[in-house]
Amino acid sequence: MARYSVVEAKNNLSALIDAAQSGGDVVITRHGKPAVKMVPVDPVVDIDPEWAARRDAEMARLAKLRASMPFSPVSSVDIIRQMRDEGP
């Protein structure tokens, strides 16, 4: 495990980032005591284009359904409360 003081880290930040991304343990110390451990961020997973197309189609279908619904002056919260209070 490589240890670097704050001053060393400031002067070598790019190299420390490279070391952490390649899997090395990089610890930054303050007053000789470990303060921070640098670890690589999990890579962003590319979205499957077919899945994205299905998602987009489903969202468009839901938007069309929502637009076709009549306006209600009663809020959904009030409807749910009424249903709850009436019971089975």
N, C-alpha and C. Protein backbone atom coordinates (compact mmCIF):
# COMPACT_ATOMS: atom_id res chain seq x y z
N MET A 1 0.86 -1.17 0.00
CA MET A 1 0.00 0.00 0.00
C MET A 1 0.90 1.23 0.00
N ALA A 2 0.72 2.06 -1.00
CA ALA A 2 1.52 3.28 -1.13
C ALA A 2 0.90 4.39 -0.29
N ARG A 3 1.73 5.08 0.48
CA ARG A 3 1.26 6.19 1.32
C ARG A 3 1.93 7.48 0.87
N TYR A 4 1.12 8.51 0.80
CA TYR A 4 1.62 9.82 0.37
C TYR A 4 1.07 10.88 1.31
N SER A 5 1.92 11.86 1.62
CA SER A 5 1.44 12.98 2.42
C SER A 5 0.57 13.87 1.54
N VAL A 6 -0.15 14.78 2.13
CA VAL A 6 -1.00 15.70 1.37
C VAL A 6 -0.16 16.48 0.38
N VAL A 7 1.01 16.93 0.79
CA VAL A 7 1.89 17.70 -0.09
C VAL A 7 2.33 16.84 -1.27
N GLU A 8 2.74 15.60 -0.99
CA GLU A 8 3.15 14.70 -2.08
C GLU A 8 1.97 14.42 -3.02
N ALA A 9 0.80 14.26 -2.45
CA ALA A 9 -0.39 13.99 -3.27
C ALA A 9 -0.69 15.17 -4.18
N LYS A 10 -0.57 16.39 -3.64
CA LYS A 10 -0.81 17.58 -4.47
C LYS A 10 0.16 17.62 -5.65
N ASN A 11 1.41 17.29 -5.39
CA ASN A 11 2.43 17.37 -6.43
C ASN A 11 2.37 16.22 -7.42
N ASN A 12 1.73 15.12 -7.07
CA ASN A 12 1.71 13.93 -7.92
C ASN A 12 0.29 13.41 -8.16
N LEU A 13 -0.69 14.27 -8.13
CA LEU A 13 -2.07 13.84 -8.21
C LEU A 13 -2.36 12.99 -9.44
N SER A 14 -1.90 13.39 -10.59
CA SER A 14 -2.17 12.65 -11.82
C SER A 14 -1.62 11.24 -11.73
N ALA A 15 -0.41 11.09 -11.22
CA ALA A 15 0.21 9.76 -11.08
C ALA A 15 -0.55 8.93 -10.06
N LEU A 16 -1.03 9.55 -8.99
CA LEU A 16 -1.78 8.81 -7.97
C LEU A 16 -3.12 8.33 -8.53
N ILE A 17 -3.76 9.15 -9.33
CA ILE A 17 -5.01 8.74 -9.97
C ILE A 17 -4.75 7.54 -10.88
N ASP A 18 -3.69 7.61 -11.67
CA ASP A 18 -3.34 6.48 -12.54
C ASP A 18 -3.08 5.22 -11.73
N ALA A 19 -2.38 5.36 -10.60
CA ALA A 19 -2.08 4.20 -9.75
C ALA A 19 -3.36 3.60 -9.18
N ALA A 20 -4.27 4.44 -8.72
CA ALA A 20 -5.53 3.95 -8.16
C ALA A 20 -6.38 3.28 -9.23
N GLN A 21 -6.42 3.85 -10.43
CA GLN A 21 -7.21 3.26 -11.51
C GLN A 21 -6.65 1.92 -11.97
N SER A 22 -5.36 1.72 -11.80
CA SER A 22 -4.76 0.44 -12.21
C SER A 22 -4.85 -0.59 -11.10
N GLY A 23 -5.51 -0.25 -10.00
CA GLY A 23 -5.73 -1.23 -8.94
C GLY A 23 -4.82 -1.11 -7.74
N GLY A 24 -3.92 -0.16 -7.75
CA GLY A 24 -3.02 0.01 -6.61
C GLY A 24 -3.71 0.69 -5.44
N ASP A 25 -3.29 0.34 -4.23
CA ASP A 25 -3.81 1.02 -3.04
C ASP A 25 -3.06 2.33 -2.86
N VAL A 26 -3.79 3.42 -2.84
CA VAL A 26 -3.19 4.74 -2.66
C VAL A 26 -3.83 5.37 -1.43
N VAL A 27 -3.02 5.66 -0.43
CA VAL A 27 -3.51 6.26 0.81
C VAL A 27 -2.81 7.60 0.98
N ILE A 28 -3.61 8.60 1.29
CA ILE A 28 -3.07 9.94 1.56
C ILE A 28 -3.12 10.15 3.06
N THR A 29 -1.99 10.59 3.59
CA THR A 29 -1.90 10.77 5.03
C THR A 29 -1.90 12.24 5.40
N ARG A 30 -2.36 12.51 6.61
CA ARG A 30 -2.32 13.86 7.16
C ARG A 30 -1.67 13.73 8.53
N HIS A 31 -0.58 14.43 8.71
CA HIS A 31 0.19 14.37 9.96
C HIS A 31 0.61 12.94 10.27
N GLY A 32 0.95 12.19 9.21
CA GLY A 32 1.45 10.83 9.37
C GLY A 32 0.39 9.77 9.58
N LYS A 33 -0.86 10.15 9.62
CA LYS A 33 -1.94 9.18 9.84
C LYS A 33 -2.80 9.07 8.58
N PRO A 34 -3.25 7.86 8.23
CA PRO A 34 -4.09 7.70 7.03
C PRO A 34 -5.34 8.56 7.13
N ALA A 35 -5.62 9.30 6.06
CA ALA A 35 -6.80 10.17 6.03
C ALA A 35 -7.75 9.78 4.91
N VAL A 36 -7.21 9.40 3.76
CA VAL A 36 -8.04 9.12 2.59
C VAL A 36 -7.43 7.96 1.81
N LYS A 37 -8.32 7.08 1.31
CA LYS A 37 -7.88 6.02 0.42
C LYS A 37 -8.50 6.27 -0.94
N MET A 38 -7.68 6.31 -1.97
CA MET A 38 -8.18 6.53 -3.32
C MET A 38 -8.51 5.18 -3.95
N VAL A 39 -9.71 5.09 -4.48
CA VAL A 39 -10.15 3.87 -5.18
C VAL A 39 -10.77 4.28 -6.50
N PRO A 40 -10.67 3.41 -7.51
CA PRO A 40 -11.28 3.77 -8.79
C PRO A 40 -12.80 3.72 -8.72
N VAL A 41 -13.45 4.53 -9.51
CA VAL A 41 -14.90 4.55 -9.62
C VAL A 41 -15.29 3.41 -10.55
N ASP A 42 -16.40 2.71 -10.22
CA ASP A 42 -16.88 1.66 -11.09
C ASP A 42 -17.19 2.25 -12.46
N PRO A 43 -16.79 1.56 -13.51
CA PRO A 43 -17.06 2.10 -14.85
C PRO A 43 -18.55 2.14 -15.12
N VAL A 44 -18.96 3.11 -15.91
CA VAL A 44 -20.35 3.24 -16.31
C VAL A 44 -20.64 2.15 -17.34
N VAL A 45 -21.68 1.40 -17.12
CA VAL A 45 -22.03 0.33 -18.03
C VAL A 45 -22.86 0.91 -19.17
N ASP A 46 -22.45 0.57 -20.38
CA ASP A 46 -23.22 1.04 -21.54
C ASP A 46 -24.59 0.37 -21.53
N ILE A 47 -25.59 1.13 -21.89
CA ILE A 47 -26.95 0.62 -21.94
C ILE A 47 -27.13 -0.13 -23.26
N ASP A 48 -27.73 -1.30 -23.16
CA ASP A 48 -28.02 -2.09 -24.34
C ASP A 48 -28.99 -1.31 -25.23
N PRO A 49 -28.65 -1.09 -26.49
CA PRO A 49 -29.51 -0.29 -27.37
C PRO A 49 -30.92 -0.87 -27.52
N GLU A 50 -31.05 -2.19 -27.53
CA GLU A 50 -32.38 -2.79 -27.64
C GLU A 50 -33.20 -2.50 -26.39
N TRP A 51 -32.56 -2.61 -25.22
CA TRP A 51 -33.25 -2.32 -23.97
C TRP A 51 -33.68 -0.85 -23.95
N ALA A 52 -32.80 0.05 -24.38
CA ALA A 52 -33.12 1.48 -24.39
C ALA A 52 -34.29 1.76 -25.33
N ALA A 53 -34.32 1.08 -26.46
CA ALA A 53 -35.43 1.28 -27.40
C ALA A 53 -36.75 0.80 -26.80
N ARG A 54 -36.73 -0.36 -26.11
CA ARG A 54 -37.95 -0.86 -25.45
C ARG A 54 -38.38 0.10 -24.35
N ARG A 55 -37.43 0.61 -23.58
CA ARG A 55 -37.75 1.56 -22.51
C ARG A 55 -38.39 2.81 -23.09
N ASP A 56 -37.80 3.34 -24.15
CA ASP A 56 -38.33 4.56 -24.76
C ASP A 56 -39.73 4.33 -25.32
N ALA A 57 -39.96 3.16 -25.93
CA ALA A 57 -41.29 2.85 -26.47
C ALA A 57 -42.31 2.75 -25.34
N GLU A 58 -41.92 2.12 -24.24
CA GLU A 58 -42.83 1.98 -23.10
C GLU A 58 -43.14 3.35 -22.48
N MET A 59 -42.14 4.20 -22.37
CA MET A 59 -42.36 5.54 -21.82
C MET A 59 -43.28 6.35 -22.72
N ALA A 60 -43.13 6.20 -24.04
CA ALA A 60 -44.03 6.90 -24.98
C ALA A 60 -45.45 6.38 -24.84
N ARG A 61 -45.60 5.05 -24.67
CA ARG A 61 -46.92 4.47 -24.49
C ARG A 61 -47.57 4.99 -23.21
N LEU A 62 -46.81 5.07 -22.14
CA LEU A 62 -47.35 5.58 -20.88
C LEU A 62 -47.72 7.05 -20.98
N ALA A 63 -46.91 7.83 -21.69
CA ALA A 63 -47.22 9.25 -21.86
C ALA A 63 -48.52 9.43 -22.66
N LYS A 64 -48.70 8.57 -23.68
CA LYS A 64 -49.93 8.64 -24.48
C LYS A 64 -51.14 8.27 -23.62
N LEU A 65 -51.00 7.23 -22.80
CA LEU A 65 -52.08 6.82 -21.91
C LEU A 65 -52.42 7.93 -20.93
N ARG A 66 -51.39 8.53 -20.36
CA ARG A 66 -51.62 9.61 -19.39
C ARG A 66 -52.33 10.79 -20.03
N ALA A 67 -51.93 11.12 -21.25
CA ALA A 67 -52.54 12.26 -21.95
C ALA A 67 -54.01 11.98 -22.29
N SER A 68 -54.35 10.69 -22.46
CA SER A 68 -55.73 10.36 -22.82
C SER A 68 -56.67 10.32 -21.61
N MET A 69 -56.10 10.35 -20.42
CA MET A 69 -56.93 10.27 -19.22
C MET A 69 -57.60 11.62 -18.95
N PRO A 70 -58.87 11.60 -18.52
CA PRO A 70 -59.56 12.86 -18.25
C PRO A 70 -58.97 13.54 -17.01
N PHE A 71 -59.08 14.86 -17.00
CA PHE A 71 -58.61 15.63 -15.85
C PHE A 71 -59.54 15.40 -14.67
N SER A 72 -58.97 15.24 -13.50
CA SER A 72 -59.76 15.06 -12.29
C SER A 72 -59.47 16.21 -11.34
N PRO A 73 -60.50 16.89 -10.86
CA PRO A 73 -60.27 17.98 -9.91
C PRO A 73 -59.83 17.46 -8.53
N VAL A 74 -60.01 16.16 -8.29
CA VAL A 74 -59.63 15.57 -7.01
C VAL A 74 -58.22 15.00 -7.16
N SER A 75 -57.36 15.35 -6.23
CA SER A 75 -55.98 14.87 -6.32
C SER A 75 -55.91 13.38 -6.02
N SER A 76 -54.86 12.74 -6.52
CA SER A 76 -54.70 11.31 -6.27
C SER A 76 -54.50 11.03 -4.79
N VAL A 77 -53.90 11.95 -4.07
CA VAL A 77 -53.73 11.78 -2.62
C VAL A 77 -55.09 11.71 -1.94
N ASP A 78 -55.99 12.60 -2.32
CA ASP A 78 -57.33 12.60 -1.73
C ASP A 78 -58.10 11.32 -2.08
N ILE A 79 -57.93 10.84 -3.30
CA ILE A 79 -58.60 9.60 -3.71
C ILE A 79 -58.09 8.43 -2.88
N ILE A 80 -56.78 8.34 -2.71
CA ILE A 80 -56.20 7.25 -1.92
C ILE A 80 -56.64 7.34 -0.47
N ARG A 81 -56.66 8.54 0.08
CA ARG A 81 -57.13 8.70 1.46
C ARG A 81 -58.59 8.27 1.60
N GLN A 82 -59.41 8.64 0.64
CA GLN A 82 -60.82 8.26 0.67
C GLN A 82 -60.96 6.74 0.61
N MET A 83 -60.20 6.10 -0.28
CA MET A 83 -60.25 4.65 -0.38
C MET A 83 -59.78 4.01 0.92
N ARG A 84 -58.74 4.55 1.51
CA ARG A 84 -58.23 4.01 2.77
C ARG A 84 -59.25 4.13 3.87
N ASP A 85 -59.89 5.30 3.97
CA ASP A 85 -60.83 5.55 5.06
C ASP A 85 -62.13 4.74 4.91
N GLU A 86 -62.53 4.47 3.66
CA GLU A 86 -63.75 3.69 3.46
C GLU A 86 -63.52 2.24 3.83
N GLY A 87 -62.33 1.76 3.65
CA GLY A 87 -62.02 0.36 3.99
C GLY A 87 -62.65 -0.61 3.04
N PRO A 88 -62.42 -1.91 3.31
CA PRO A 88 -62.94 -2.95 2.40
C PRO A 88 -64.45 -3.14 2.53
